[in-house]
Amino acid sequence: MRRIIPLAALALTAAAATIVVAQNAGVPGAPDKSRVTAGTYVADAGHTMVVWEVDHLGFSRYSGIFGDVTGTLVIDPANPAAAKVDVTIPVAKVTTASAGLTSHLLRAGKDGGKPDFFGAAPADAKFVSTSVVVDAEGDEAKVMGNLTLNGVTKPVTLDVDFHGAGMNAYNKKETVGFQAEATIKRSDFGIAYGIPVVSDEVELEIHAAFEKQ
C-alpha cells in the first residue's frame, strides 16, 4: 500500500502535466494577421476591460477596472486603415480593490452639490474612432477618436497592438484581440477632485476581444 500511493500520485501528476501541455498546444488564438477576416465584430463583454491607473499621494500607483464593455469593430485586413471602432464603457460598473473607494467614485455630491468623481448615476463613457494609422508591419496602430466621459467629449489617441486571432473553440466564433494604451487628464473631463495629490493624469490600459458576427 505504501508503494501504491506514491505511484498513484506520480501517475496523477504526469497526467495533469500532459493535460496542461495539450491545452497550451491547443490555444486557439495566435498573433498571426492572416487569421483576421473582414467583417463586423462585436466586443466580447466578458473579456474586454479598461484598466485605469493614477498616482496616489506620490506613494503608490492605484488602479481600477471598467468591464462589461460593448460595441463593434469593423475591419478589413486588406485595408486596416479603414477600420472603425465604436465602444461603450459602463462607468456605473467601475470596480476597485476597495469597497469604500468604489462607493466614493459613485456617490452623489454632498448636499446636492457636484459629485467628487462620477456620481450616483453616471452616463456611460463612449469611444468612437475617427482615423487609424497602421505601422509597416501591420501589427501596431494609432487609433484616433473621440472619448466622451462625464458628459465631455475630447480627442484621444490609442496606441494599439494586435494580440491574436483565431477561432474560439468554445463558441465557434472568429475572434480578434488587441491591447491598447492611452493617457488622459481627468480634469479635461470635469473630474478634478484631489488634484494634485491624486494625479490628474490617468493611464489607460485596454484589453479587448471582438467576435465576428
N, C-alpha and C. Protein backbone atom coordinates (compact mmCIF):
# COMPACT_ATOMS: atom_id res chain seq x y z
N MET A 1 0.83 -1.21 0.00
CA MET A 1 0.00 0.00 0.00
C MET A 1 0.86 1.25 0.00
N ARG A 2 1.98 1.24 0.78
CA ARG A 2 2.84 2.42 0.84
C ARG A 2 3.45 2.74 -0.52
N ARG A 3 3.71 1.67 -1.32
CA ARG A 3 4.29 1.92 -2.64
C ARG A 3 3.23 2.35 -3.64
N ILE A 4 2.00 1.85 -3.45
CA ILE A 4 0.94 2.16 -4.41
C ILE A 4 0.56 3.63 -4.37
N ILE A 5 0.49 4.22 -3.16
CA ILE A 5 0.07 5.62 -3.01
C ILE A 5 1.00 6.58 -3.75
N PRO A 6 2.35 6.51 -3.52
CA PRO A 6 3.21 7.43 -4.27
C PRO A 6 3.20 7.17 -5.76
N LEU A 7 3.03 5.91 -6.18
CA LEU A 7 2.96 5.63 -7.61
C LEU A 7 1.69 6.25 -8.21
N ALA A 8 0.59 6.16 -7.47
CA ALA A 8 -0.65 6.77 -7.95
C ALA A 8 -0.52 8.28 -8.05
N ALA A 9 0.11 8.88 -7.04
CA ALA A 9 0.31 10.33 -7.06
C ALA A 9 1.18 10.74 -8.23
N LEU A 10 2.22 9.93 -8.51
CA LEU A 10 3.10 10.23 -9.64
C LEU A 10 2.34 10.14 -10.96
N ALA A 11 1.48 9.13 -11.06
CA ALA A 11 0.70 8.96 -12.29
C ALA A 11 -0.25 10.14 -12.49
N LEU A 12 -0.89 10.59 -11.40
CA LEU A 12 -1.80 11.74 -11.50
C LEU A 12 -1.06 13.00 -11.91
N THR A 13 0.14 13.20 -11.34
CA THR A 13 0.94 14.37 -11.68
C THR A 13 1.32 14.35 -13.15
N ALA A 14 1.72 13.19 -13.64
CA ALA A 14 2.10 13.07 -15.04
C ALA A 14 0.91 13.34 -15.95
N ALA A 15 -0.27 12.83 -15.55
CA ALA A 15 -1.47 13.05 -16.35
C ALA A 15 -1.83 14.53 -16.40
N ALA A 16 -1.72 15.19 -15.25
CA ALA A 16 -2.03 16.62 -15.18
C ALA A 16 -1.08 17.41 -16.06
N ALA A 17 0.20 17.06 -16.03
CA ALA A 17 1.20 17.75 -16.84
C ALA A 17 0.89 17.57 -18.33
N THR A 18 0.47 16.36 -18.70
CA THR A 18 0.12 16.09 -20.09
C THR A 18 -1.04 16.94 -20.55
N ILE A 19 -2.05 17.08 -19.66
CA ILE A 19 -3.22 17.90 -19.99
C ILE A 19 -2.83 19.36 -20.18
N VAL A 20 -1.97 19.88 -19.28
CA VAL A 20 -1.53 21.28 -19.38
C VAL A 20 -0.78 21.51 -20.68
N VAL A 21 0.12 20.60 -21.04
CA VAL A 21 0.87 20.74 -22.29
C VAL A 21 -0.08 20.73 -23.48
N ALA A 22 -1.05 19.80 -23.44
CA ALA A 22 -2.01 19.70 -24.53
C ALA A 22 -2.84 20.97 -24.66
N GLN A 23 -3.25 21.52 -23.51
CA GLN A 23 -4.04 22.74 -23.54
C GLN A 23 -3.23 23.90 -24.11
N ASN A 24 -1.97 24.04 -23.69
CA ASN A 24 -1.13 25.12 -24.19
C ASN A 24 -0.89 24.98 -25.68
N ALA A 25 -0.74 23.72 -26.13
CA ALA A 25 -0.50 23.49 -27.55
C ALA A 25 -1.74 23.81 -28.37
N GLY A 26 -2.92 23.78 -27.73
CA GLY A 26 -4.15 23.99 -28.45
C GLY A 26 -4.77 25.35 -28.27
N VAL A 27 -4.01 26.35 -27.83
CA VAL A 27 -4.55 27.70 -27.68
C VAL A 27 -5.06 28.19 -29.04
N PRO A 28 -6.32 28.59 -29.13
CA PRO A 28 -6.89 28.90 -30.45
C PRO A 28 -6.43 30.21 -31.06
N GLY A 29 -6.01 31.17 -30.25
CA GLY A 29 -5.58 32.45 -30.78
C GLY A 29 -4.08 32.51 -30.98
N ALA A 30 -3.64 33.25 -31.99
CA ALA A 30 -2.21 33.41 -32.26
C ALA A 30 -1.98 34.77 -32.91
N PRO A 31 -0.80 35.36 -32.70
CA PRO A 31 -0.50 36.67 -33.29
C PRO A 31 -0.17 36.56 -34.78
N ASP A 32 -1.15 36.10 -35.52
CA ASP A 32 -1.00 35.86 -36.96
C ASP A 32 -2.04 36.67 -37.70
N LYS A 33 -1.61 37.73 -38.38
CA LYS A 33 -2.54 38.65 -39.04
C LYS A 33 -3.35 37.96 -40.13
N SER A 34 -2.80 36.90 -40.71
CA SER A 34 -3.50 36.21 -41.80
C SER A 34 -4.78 35.53 -41.31
N ARG A 35 -4.94 35.39 -40.00
CA ARG A 35 -6.14 34.78 -39.45
C ARG A 35 -7.32 35.75 -39.38
N VAL A 36 -7.06 37.03 -39.53
CA VAL A 36 -8.13 38.03 -39.44
C VAL A 36 -8.89 38.08 -40.75
N THR A 37 -10.20 37.96 -40.68
CA THR A 37 -11.04 38.06 -41.87
C THR A 37 -11.91 39.31 -41.78
N ALA A 38 -12.29 39.82 -42.93
CA ALA A 38 -13.06 41.07 -42.99
C ALA A 38 -14.46 40.88 -42.44
N GLY A 39 -14.97 41.91 -41.79
CA GLY A 39 -16.34 41.86 -41.31
C GLY A 39 -16.56 42.74 -40.10
N THR A 40 -17.73 42.58 -39.52
CA THR A 40 -18.11 43.32 -38.31
C THR A 40 -17.99 42.40 -37.11
N TYR A 41 -17.28 42.87 -36.10
CA TYR A 41 -17.05 42.11 -34.88
C TYR A 41 -17.71 42.85 -33.72
N VAL A 42 -18.18 42.08 -32.73
CA VAL A 42 -18.82 42.65 -31.54
C VAL A 42 -17.94 42.37 -30.33
N ALA A 43 -17.80 43.36 -29.45
CA ALA A 43 -16.96 43.21 -28.27
C ALA A 43 -17.44 42.05 -27.41
N ASP A 44 -16.50 41.22 -26.98
CA ASP A 44 -16.77 40.16 -26.01
C ASP A 44 -16.75 40.82 -24.64
N ALA A 45 -17.93 41.15 -24.13
CA ALA A 45 -18.03 41.96 -22.91
C ALA A 45 -17.37 41.29 -21.71
N GLY A 46 -17.37 39.97 -21.69
CA GLY A 46 -16.79 39.26 -20.56
C GLY A 46 -15.28 39.22 -20.56
N HIS A 47 -14.68 39.59 -21.70
CA HIS A 47 -13.22 39.52 -21.81
C HIS A 47 -12.63 40.80 -22.38
N THR A 48 -13.34 41.90 -22.17
CA THR A 48 -12.86 43.21 -22.60
C THR A 48 -12.93 44.16 -21.40
N MET A 49 -11.85 44.86 -21.14
CA MET A 49 -11.82 45.74 -19.97
C MET A 49 -10.91 46.94 -20.21
N VAL A 50 -11.22 48.00 -19.48
CA VAL A 50 -10.37 49.20 -19.46
C VAL A 50 -9.83 49.34 -18.04
N VAL A 51 -8.51 49.20 -17.91
CA VAL A 51 -7.86 49.35 -16.61
C VAL A 51 -7.32 50.77 -16.51
N TRP A 52 -7.69 51.49 -15.45
CA TRP A 52 -7.18 52.85 -15.26
C TRP A 52 -6.24 52.89 -14.06
N GLU A 53 -5.27 53.80 -14.13
CA GLU A 53 -4.28 53.88 -13.05
C GLU A 53 -3.92 55.34 -12.79
N VAL A 54 -3.85 55.69 -11.51
CA VAL A 54 -3.45 57.04 -11.10
C VAL A 54 -2.34 56.94 -10.06
N ASP A 55 -1.66 58.05 -9.85
CA ASP A 55 -0.67 58.12 -8.77
C ASP A 55 -1.38 58.62 -7.51
N HIS A 56 -1.17 57.90 -6.40
CA HIS A 56 -1.85 58.22 -5.15
C HIS A 56 -0.88 58.80 -4.13
N LEU A 57 -0.92 60.13 -3.95
CA LEU A 57 -0.12 60.85 -2.96
C LEU A 57 1.39 60.75 -3.18
N GLY A 58 1.79 60.27 -4.35
CA GLY A 58 3.21 60.09 -4.60
C GLY A 58 3.81 58.87 -3.92
N PHE A 59 2.95 58.05 -3.29
CA PHE A 59 3.43 56.86 -2.58
C PHE A 59 3.24 55.58 -3.39
N SER A 60 2.17 55.54 -4.18
CA SER A 60 1.88 54.29 -4.89
C SER A 60 1.01 54.57 -6.11
N ARG A 61 0.94 53.58 -6.98
CA ARG A 61 0.01 53.62 -8.10
C ARG A 61 -1.26 52.89 -7.68
N TYR A 62 -2.40 53.37 -8.12
CA TYR A 62 -3.67 52.73 -7.77
C TYR A 62 -4.48 52.55 -9.03
N SER A 63 -5.10 51.37 -9.18
CA SER A 63 -5.83 51.10 -10.40
C SER A 63 -7.23 50.57 -10.12
N GLY A 64 -8.07 50.65 -11.13
CA GLY A 64 -9.41 50.11 -11.10
C GLY A 64 -9.77 49.62 -12.49
N ILE A 65 -10.96 49.08 -12.63
CA ILE A 65 -11.36 48.46 -13.90
C ILE A 65 -12.77 48.89 -14.29
N PHE A 66 -12.93 49.19 -15.58
CA PHE A 66 -14.24 49.27 -16.20
C PHE A 66 -14.41 48.00 -17.04
N GLY A 67 -15.43 47.20 -16.74
CA GLY A 67 -15.70 45.99 -17.50
C GLY A 67 -17.01 46.06 -18.23
N ASP A 68 -17.45 44.92 -18.75
CA ASP A 68 -18.72 44.82 -19.50
C ASP A 68 -18.77 45.81 -20.66
N VAL A 69 -17.64 45.98 -21.33
CA VAL A 69 -17.57 46.90 -22.47
C VAL A 69 -18.33 46.29 -23.65
N THR A 70 -19.12 47.11 -24.33
CA THR A 70 -19.86 46.66 -25.51
C THR A 70 -19.47 47.53 -26.71
N GLY A 71 -19.81 47.06 -27.90
CA GLY A 71 -19.52 47.86 -29.08
C GLY A 71 -19.11 47.01 -30.27
N THR A 72 -18.65 47.69 -31.32
CA THR A 72 -18.34 47.00 -32.57
C THR A 72 -16.99 47.42 -33.13
N LEU A 73 -16.42 46.52 -33.88
CA LEU A 73 -15.22 46.76 -34.66
C LEU A 73 -15.49 46.32 -36.08
N VAL A 74 -15.29 47.21 -37.03
CA VAL A 74 -15.41 46.86 -38.45
C VAL A 74 -14.01 46.89 -39.03
N ILE A 75 -13.57 45.78 -39.60
CA ILE A 75 -12.19 45.70 -40.06
C ILE A 75 -12.08 44.88 -41.33
N ASP A 76 -11.16 45.29 -42.19
CA ASP A 76 -10.83 44.56 -43.41
C ASP A 76 -9.31 44.47 -43.48
N PRO A 77 -8.73 43.28 -43.35
CA PRO A 77 -7.26 43.18 -43.36
C PRO A 77 -6.62 43.69 -44.64
N ALA A 78 -7.40 43.81 -45.71
CA ALA A 78 -6.86 44.37 -46.95
C ALA A 78 -6.75 45.88 -46.87
N ASN A 79 -7.45 46.50 -45.91
CA ASN A 79 -7.41 47.95 -45.73
C ASN A 79 -7.58 48.28 -44.25
N PRO A 80 -6.60 47.93 -43.42
CA PRO A 80 -6.74 48.11 -41.97
C PRO A 80 -6.90 49.57 -41.56
N ALA A 81 -6.41 50.50 -42.37
CA ALA A 81 -6.53 51.92 -42.01
C ALA A 81 -7.97 52.40 -42.06
N ALA A 82 -8.85 51.60 -42.68
CA ALA A 82 -10.27 51.97 -42.76
C ALA A 82 -11.08 51.38 -41.61
N ALA A 83 -10.41 50.74 -40.67
CA ALA A 83 -11.12 50.11 -39.55
C ALA A 83 -11.89 51.16 -38.74
N LYS A 84 -13.00 50.73 -38.16
CA LYS A 84 -13.83 51.60 -37.33
C LYS A 84 -14.13 50.88 -36.02
N VAL A 85 -14.04 51.61 -34.93
CA VAL A 85 -14.38 51.05 -33.63
C VAL A 85 -15.32 52.00 -32.91
N ASP A 86 -16.32 51.43 -32.26
CA ASP A 86 -17.32 52.21 -31.53
C ASP A 86 -17.68 51.40 -30.30
N VAL A 87 -17.20 51.83 -29.14
CA VAL A 87 -17.42 51.05 -27.92
C VAL A 87 -18.02 51.92 -26.82
N THR A 88 -18.76 51.26 -25.94
CA THR A 88 -19.41 51.91 -24.81
C THR A 88 -18.92 51.27 -23.52
N ILE A 89 -18.55 52.11 -22.55
CA ILE A 89 -17.99 51.65 -21.28
C ILE A 89 -18.95 52.05 -20.16
N PRO A 90 -19.54 51.09 -19.44
CA PRO A 90 -20.48 51.42 -18.37
C PRO A 90 -19.76 51.90 -17.11
N VAL A 91 -19.65 53.20 -16.95
CA VAL A 91 -18.93 53.80 -15.82
C VAL A 91 -19.53 53.35 -14.49
N ALA A 92 -20.83 53.13 -14.45
CA ALA A 92 -21.50 52.76 -13.20
C ALA A 92 -21.03 51.41 -12.67
N LYS A 93 -20.35 50.61 -13.51
CA LYS A 93 -19.87 49.30 -13.09
C LYS A 93 -18.38 49.33 -12.72
N VAL A 94 -17.83 50.51 -12.46
CA VAL A 94 -16.42 50.61 -12.09
C VAL A 94 -16.14 49.73 -10.87
N THR A 95 -14.96 49.10 -10.87
CA THR A 95 -14.55 48.21 -9.79
C THR A 95 -13.16 48.60 -9.30
N THR A 96 -12.98 48.62 -7.97
CA THR A 96 -11.65 48.82 -7.39
C THR A 96 -11.44 47.78 -6.30
N ALA A 97 -10.24 47.76 -5.74
CA ALA A 97 -9.93 46.81 -4.67
C ALA A 97 -10.52 47.24 -3.33
N SER A 98 -11.09 48.45 -3.27
CA SER A 98 -11.63 48.99 -2.02
C SER A 98 -13.10 49.31 -2.18
N ALA A 99 -13.94 48.68 -1.36
CA ALA A 99 -15.37 48.99 -1.41
C ALA A 99 -15.63 50.45 -1.08
N GLY A 100 -14.84 51.00 -0.17
CA GLY A 100 -15.00 52.40 0.20
C GLY A 100 -14.69 53.34 -0.94
N LEU A 101 -13.62 53.04 -1.69
CA LEU A 101 -13.25 53.89 -2.82
C LEU A 101 -14.27 53.77 -3.94
N THR A 102 -14.71 52.54 -4.21
CA THR A 102 -15.72 52.36 -5.26
C THR A 102 -16.97 53.17 -4.92
N SER A 103 -17.37 53.15 -3.65
CA SER A 103 -18.53 53.92 -3.20
C SER A 103 -18.30 55.41 -3.39
N HIS A 104 -17.08 55.86 -3.09
CA HIS A 104 -16.75 57.28 -3.25
C HIS A 104 -16.84 57.70 -4.71
N LEU A 105 -16.37 56.84 -5.61
CA LEU A 105 -16.43 57.16 -7.03
C LEU A 105 -17.86 57.35 -7.53
N LEU A 106 -18.79 56.64 -6.89
CA LEU A 106 -20.17 56.61 -7.39
C LEU A 106 -21.17 57.31 -6.48
N ARG A 107 -20.71 57.95 -5.42
CA ARG A 107 -21.68 58.58 -4.52
C ARG A 107 -22.09 59.96 -5.03
N ALA A 108 -23.27 60.36 -4.61
CA ALA A 108 -23.79 61.66 -5.02
C ALA A 108 -23.01 62.78 -4.35
N GLY A 109 -23.13 63.97 -4.89
CA GLY A 109 -22.47 65.13 -4.30
C GLY A 109 -23.09 65.50 -2.97
N LYS A 110 -22.29 66.05 -2.09
CA LYS A 110 -22.77 66.42 -0.76
C LYS A 110 -23.78 67.55 -0.84
N ASP A 111 -24.89 67.37 -0.12
CA ASP A 111 -25.94 68.39 -0.05
C ASP A 111 -26.41 68.84 -1.43
N GLY A 112 -26.46 67.89 -2.34
CA GLY A 112 -26.94 68.18 -3.69
C GLY A 112 -25.91 68.83 -4.58
N GLY A 113 -24.67 68.94 -4.12
CA GLY A 113 -23.62 69.54 -4.92
C GLY A 113 -23.05 68.58 -5.94
N LYS A 114 -22.01 69.04 -6.62
CA LYS A 114 -21.37 68.24 -7.65
C LYS A 114 -20.62 67.06 -7.03
N PRO A 115 -20.75 65.86 -7.60
CA PRO A 115 -20.02 64.70 -7.06
C PRO A 115 -18.51 64.90 -7.17
N ASP A 116 -17.76 64.24 -6.29
CA ASP A 116 -16.30 64.30 -6.36
C ASP A 116 -15.78 63.64 -7.63
N PHE A 117 -16.42 62.53 -8.01
CA PHE A 117 -15.96 61.80 -9.19
C PHE A 117 -17.12 61.62 -10.17
N PHE A 118 -17.66 60.41 -10.30
CA PHE A 118 -18.66 60.15 -11.34
C PHE A 118 -20.09 60.40 -10.90
N GLY A 119 -20.37 60.27 -9.62
CA GLY A 119 -21.72 60.46 -9.14
C GLY A 119 -22.53 59.17 -9.12
N ALA A 120 -23.75 59.28 -8.61
CA ALA A 120 -24.56 58.09 -8.34
C ALA A 120 -25.14 57.44 -9.59
N ALA A 121 -25.33 58.18 -10.64
CA ALA A 121 -25.92 57.62 -11.86
C ALA A 121 -25.15 58.13 -13.08
N PRO A 122 -23.89 57.73 -13.19
CA PRO A 122 -23.06 58.27 -14.28
C PRO A 122 -23.48 57.74 -15.64
N ALA A 123 -23.39 58.59 -16.64
CA ALA A 123 -23.64 58.16 -18.02
C ALA A 123 -22.51 57.25 -18.47
N ASP A 124 -22.81 56.37 -19.39
CA ASP A 124 -21.77 55.52 -19.98
C ASP A 124 -20.74 56.38 -20.69
N ALA A 125 -19.50 55.92 -20.67
CA ALA A 125 -18.46 56.55 -21.49
C ALA A 125 -18.50 55.91 -22.88
N LYS A 126 -17.95 56.63 -23.87
CA LYS A 126 -18.01 56.13 -25.24
C LYS A 126 -16.76 56.56 -26.01
N PHE A 127 -16.21 55.63 -26.79
CA PHE A 127 -15.10 55.97 -27.67
C PHE A 127 -15.48 55.60 -29.09
N VAL A 128 -15.34 56.57 -29.98
CA VAL A 128 -15.64 56.37 -31.40
C VAL A 128 -14.42 56.79 -32.20
N SER A 129 -13.89 55.88 -32.99
CA SER A 129 -12.68 56.19 -33.77
C SER A 129 -13.01 57.14 -34.91
N THR A 130 -11.99 57.94 -35.26
CA THR A 130 -12.11 58.85 -36.41
C THR A 130 -11.09 58.55 -37.49
N SER A 131 -9.95 57.96 -37.12
CA SER A 131 -8.94 57.58 -38.11
C SER A 131 -7.99 56.55 -37.51
N VAL A 132 -7.34 55.79 -38.38
CA VAL A 132 -6.42 54.74 -37.97
C VAL A 132 -5.15 54.83 -38.80
N VAL A 133 -4.01 54.81 -38.14
CA VAL A 133 -2.72 54.79 -38.83
C VAL A 133 -2.00 53.52 -38.42
N VAL A 134 -1.75 52.64 -39.40
CA VAL A 134 -1.16 51.33 -39.13
C VAL A 134 0.33 51.38 -39.47
N ASP A 135 1.17 50.69 -38.66
CA ASP A 135 2.60 50.67 -38.93
C ASP A 135 2.91 49.74 -40.11
N ALA A 136 4.18 49.74 -40.55
CA ALA A 136 4.59 49.00 -41.73
C ALA A 136 4.37 47.49 -41.58
N GLU A 137 4.54 46.98 -40.35
CA GLU A 137 4.37 45.55 -40.12
C GLU A 137 2.90 45.15 -40.03
N GLY A 138 2.03 46.11 -39.78
CA GLY A 138 0.61 45.83 -39.72
C GLY A 138 0.11 45.27 -38.42
N ASP A 139 0.96 45.29 -37.38
CA ASP A 139 0.51 44.75 -36.10
C ASP A 139 0.43 45.80 -34.99
N GLU A 140 0.71 47.05 -35.33
CA GLU A 140 0.56 48.15 -34.39
C GLU A 140 -0.14 49.30 -35.10
N ALA A 141 -0.89 50.09 -34.33
CA ALA A 141 -1.61 51.20 -34.95
C ALA A 141 -1.86 52.30 -33.93
N LYS A 142 -2.04 53.49 -34.45
CA LYS A 142 -2.54 54.60 -33.66
C LYS A 142 -3.98 54.83 -34.08
N VAL A 143 -4.88 54.69 -33.11
CA VAL A 143 -6.30 54.86 -33.38
C VAL A 143 -6.75 56.16 -32.74
N MET A 144 -7.06 57.13 -33.58
CA MET A 144 -7.54 58.42 -33.11
C MET A 144 -9.06 58.40 -33.03
N GLY A 145 -9.59 59.06 -32.01
CA GLY A 145 -11.03 59.10 -31.88
C GLY A 145 -11.48 60.08 -30.82
N ASN A 146 -12.77 60.07 -30.56
CA ASN A 146 -13.36 60.95 -29.56
C ASN A 146 -13.84 60.13 -28.37
N LEU A 147 -13.38 60.52 -27.17
CA LEU A 147 -13.82 59.88 -25.94
C LEU A 147 -14.80 60.81 -25.24
N THR A 148 -15.99 60.28 -24.95
CA THR A 148 -16.98 61.02 -24.17
C THR A 148 -17.02 60.42 -22.78
N LEU A 149 -16.74 61.24 -21.79
CA LEU A 149 -16.69 60.81 -20.39
C LEU A 149 -17.22 61.94 -19.52
N ASN A 150 -18.12 61.61 -18.60
CA ASN A 150 -18.66 62.61 -17.69
C ASN A 150 -19.32 63.77 -18.44
N GLY A 151 -19.89 63.45 -19.59
CA GLY A 151 -20.59 64.46 -20.37
C GLY A 151 -19.70 65.36 -21.21
N VAL A 152 -18.40 65.06 -21.26
CA VAL A 152 -17.44 65.88 -22.01
C VAL A 152 -16.80 65.01 -23.08
N THR A 153 -16.65 65.55 -24.29
CA THR A 153 -16.03 64.83 -25.40
C THR A 153 -14.71 65.47 -25.76
N LYS A 154 -13.65 64.64 -25.79
CA LYS A 154 -12.31 65.11 -26.12
C LYS A 154 -11.64 64.11 -27.06
N PRO A 155 -10.72 64.59 -27.92
CA PRO A 155 -9.97 63.66 -28.77
C PRO A 155 -8.95 62.87 -27.95
N VAL A 156 -8.83 61.59 -28.24
CA VAL A 156 -7.89 60.71 -27.56
C VAL A 156 -7.25 59.80 -28.60
N THR A 157 -5.96 59.52 -28.43
CA THR A 157 -5.26 58.60 -29.33
C THR A 157 -4.88 57.34 -28.56
N LEU A 158 -5.24 56.19 -29.12
CA LEU A 158 -4.89 54.90 -28.54
C LEU A 158 -3.70 54.31 -29.29
N ASP A 159 -2.70 53.84 -28.54
CA ASP A 159 -1.60 53.08 -29.13
C ASP A 159 -1.98 51.60 -29.03
N VAL A 160 -2.25 50.99 -30.17
CA VAL A 160 -2.86 49.66 -30.21
C VAL A 160 -1.87 48.62 -30.73
N ASP A 161 -1.83 47.47 -30.06
CA ASP A 161 -1.06 46.32 -30.51
C ASP A 161 -2.01 45.17 -30.81
N PHE A 162 -1.80 44.53 -31.94
CA PHE A 162 -2.55 43.32 -32.28
C PHE A 162 -2.07 42.19 -31.37
N HIS A 163 -3.01 41.50 -30.71
CA HIS A 163 -2.64 40.44 -29.77
C HIS A 163 -2.81 39.05 -30.36
N GLY A 164 -3.91 38.81 -31.06
CA GLY A 164 -4.10 37.49 -31.62
C GLY A 164 -5.44 37.33 -32.31
N ALA A 165 -5.54 36.28 -33.11
CA ALA A 165 -6.79 35.99 -33.82
C ALA A 165 -6.92 34.49 -34.00
N GLY A 166 -8.15 34.05 -34.21
CA GLY A 166 -8.39 32.63 -34.43
C GLY A 166 -9.84 32.29 -34.16
N MET A 167 -10.15 31.00 -34.20
CA MET A 167 -11.49 30.52 -33.94
C MET A 167 -11.62 30.14 -32.48
N ASN A 168 -12.57 30.78 -31.78
CA ASN A 168 -12.80 30.45 -30.38
C ASN A 168 -13.36 29.03 -30.30
N ALA A 169 -12.63 28.16 -29.61
CA ALA A 169 -13.02 26.75 -29.55
C ALA A 169 -14.31 26.53 -28.77
N TYR A 170 -14.71 27.49 -27.94
CA TYR A 170 -15.88 27.31 -27.09
C TYR A 170 -17.18 27.71 -27.77
N ASN A 171 -17.15 28.84 -28.49
CA ASN A 171 -18.40 29.28 -29.12
C ASN A 171 -18.33 29.27 -30.65
N LYS A 172 -17.20 28.80 -31.20
CA LYS A 172 -17.02 28.66 -32.65
C LYS A 172 -17.15 29.99 -33.39
N LYS A 173 -16.71 31.08 -32.74
CA LYS A 173 -16.73 32.39 -33.38
C LYS A 173 -15.31 32.87 -33.68
N GLU A 174 -15.14 33.44 -34.86
CA GLU A 174 -13.85 34.06 -35.17
C GLU A 174 -13.64 35.23 -34.21
N THR A 175 -12.46 35.28 -33.62
CA THR A 175 -12.19 36.29 -32.59
C THR A 175 -10.86 36.98 -32.86
N VAL A 176 -10.83 38.28 -32.63
CA VAL A 176 -9.58 39.05 -32.72
C VAL A 176 -9.39 39.79 -31.40
N GLY A 177 -8.13 39.94 -31.00
CA GLY A 177 -7.84 40.61 -29.73
C GLY A 177 -6.76 41.64 -29.86
N PHE A 178 -6.87 42.69 -29.05
CA PHE A 178 -5.93 43.80 -29.09
C PHE A 178 -5.62 44.27 -27.68
N GLN A 179 -4.47 44.92 -27.54
CA GLN A 179 -4.12 45.66 -26.33
C GLN A 179 -3.88 47.10 -26.75
N ALA A 180 -4.23 48.03 -25.88
CA ALA A 180 -4.06 49.44 -26.21
C ALA A 180 -3.73 50.24 -24.96
N GLU A 181 -3.07 51.37 -25.18
CA GLU A 181 -2.72 52.26 -24.07
C GLU A 181 -3.02 53.70 -24.47
N ALA A 182 -3.34 54.51 -23.48
CA ALA A 182 -3.55 55.94 -23.68
C ALA A 182 -3.38 56.63 -22.34
N THR A 183 -3.14 57.92 -22.39
CA THR A 183 -3.08 58.73 -21.18
C THR A 183 -4.01 59.92 -21.37
N ILE A 184 -4.87 60.15 -20.38
CA ILE A 184 -5.78 61.29 -20.43
C ILE A 184 -5.61 62.12 -19.15
N LYS A 185 -6.10 63.34 -19.18
CA LYS A 185 -6.19 64.16 -17.98
C LYS A 185 -7.65 64.20 -17.55
N ARG A 186 -7.89 63.74 -16.32
CA ARG A 186 -9.28 63.68 -15.87
C ARG A 186 -9.90 65.07 -15.73
N SER A 187 -9.05 66.07 -15.47
CA SER A 187 -9.58 67.43 -15.36
C SER A 187 -10.19 67.90 -16.68
N ASP A 188 -9.71 67.36 -17.82
CA ASP A 188 -10.29 67.69 -19.12
C ASP A 188 -11.74 67.24 -19.21
N PHE A 189 -12.11 66.27 -18.38
CA PHE A 189 -13.46 65.73 -18.40
C PHE A 189 -14.26 66.15 -17.16
N GLY A 190 -13.78 67.21 -16.49
CA GLY A 190 -14.52 67.77 -15.37
C GLY A 190 -14.43 66.98 -14.09
N ILE A 191 -13.38 66.15 -13.95
CA ILE A 191 -13.19 65.35 -12.73
C ILE A 191 -11.86 65.78 -12.11
N ALA A 192 -11.92 66.79 -11.26
CA ALA A 192 -10.69 67.40 -10.74
C ALA A 192 -10.47 67.17 -9.26
N TYR A 193 -11.31 66.39 -8.61
CA TYR A 193 -11.20 66.17 -7.17
C TYR A 193 -9.83 65.57 -6.81
N GLY A 194 -9.18 66.16 -5.78
CA GLY A 194 -7.95 65.60 -5.23
C GLY A 194 -6.68 65.94 -5.97
N ILE A 195 -6.75 66.66 -7.08
CA ILE A 195 -5.54 67.05 -7.80
C ILE A 195 -4.79 68.09 -6.97
N PRO A 196 -3.48 68.01 -6.76
CA PRO A 196 -2.54 67.08 -7.39
C PRO A 196 -2.18 65.85 -6.55
N VAL A 197 -2.74 65.71 -5.33
CA VAL A 197 -2.32 64.58 -4.51
C VAL A 197 -2.74 63.25 -5.12
N VAL A 198 -3.85 63.27 -5.86
CA VAL A 198 -4.19 62.16 -6.74
C VAL A 198 -4.01 62.70 -8.16
N SER A 199 -3.19 62.04 -8.95
CA SER A 199 -2.74 62.63 -10.21
C SER A 199 -3.88 62.97 -11.16
N ASP A 200 -3.66 64.07 -11.88
CA ASP A 200 -4.57 64.46 -12.94
C ASP A 200 -4.47 63.47 -14.10
N GLU A 201 -3.24 63.05 -14.40
CA GLU A 201 -3.03 62.10 -15.49
C GLU A 201 -3.53 60.71 -15.09
N VAL A 202 -4.28 60.12 -15.98
CA VAL A 202 -4.80 58.77 -15.79
C VAL A 202 -4.28 57.91 -16.94
N GLU A 203 -3.60 56.85 -16.60
CA GLU A 203 -3.11 55.92 -17.62
C GLU A 203 -4.17 54.85 -17.86
N LEU A 204 -4.47 54.61 -19.13
CA LEU A 204 -5.46 53.62 -19.51
C LEU A 204 -4.77 52.45 -20.20
N GLU A 205 -5.14 51.25 -19.79
CA GLU A 205 -4.65 50.03 -20.44
C GLU A 205 -5.88 49.21 -20.82
N ILE A 206 -6.01 48.95 -22.10
CA ILE A 206 -7.23 48.32 -22.64
C ILE A 206 -6.90 46.92 -23.16
N HIS A 207 -7.70 45.96 -22.74
CA HIS A 207 -7.61 44.59 -23.24
C HIS A 207 -8.94 44.27 -23.88
N ALA A 208 -8.93 44.02 -25.20
CA ALA A 208 -10.19 43.90 -25.92
C ALA A 208 -10.22 42.66 -26.81
N ALA A 209 -11.34 41.96 -26.77
CA ALA A 209 -11.59 40.84 -27.67
C ALA A 209 -12.89 41.12 -28.41
N PHE A 210 -12.89 40.84 -29.73
CA PHE A 210 -14.06 41.07 -30.56
C PHE A 210 -14.40 39.79 -31.33
N GLU A 211 -15.69 39.46 -31.38
CA GLU A 211 -16.14 38.23 -32.02
C GLU A 211 -16.92 38.56 -33.29
N LYS A 212 -16.60 37.84 -34.38
CA LYS A 212 -17.24 38.11 -35.66
C LYS A 212 -18.70 37.68 -35.65
N GLN A 213 -19.54 38.52 -36.26
CA GLN A 213 -20.96 38.23 -36.30
C GLN A 213 -21.36 37.58 -37.63
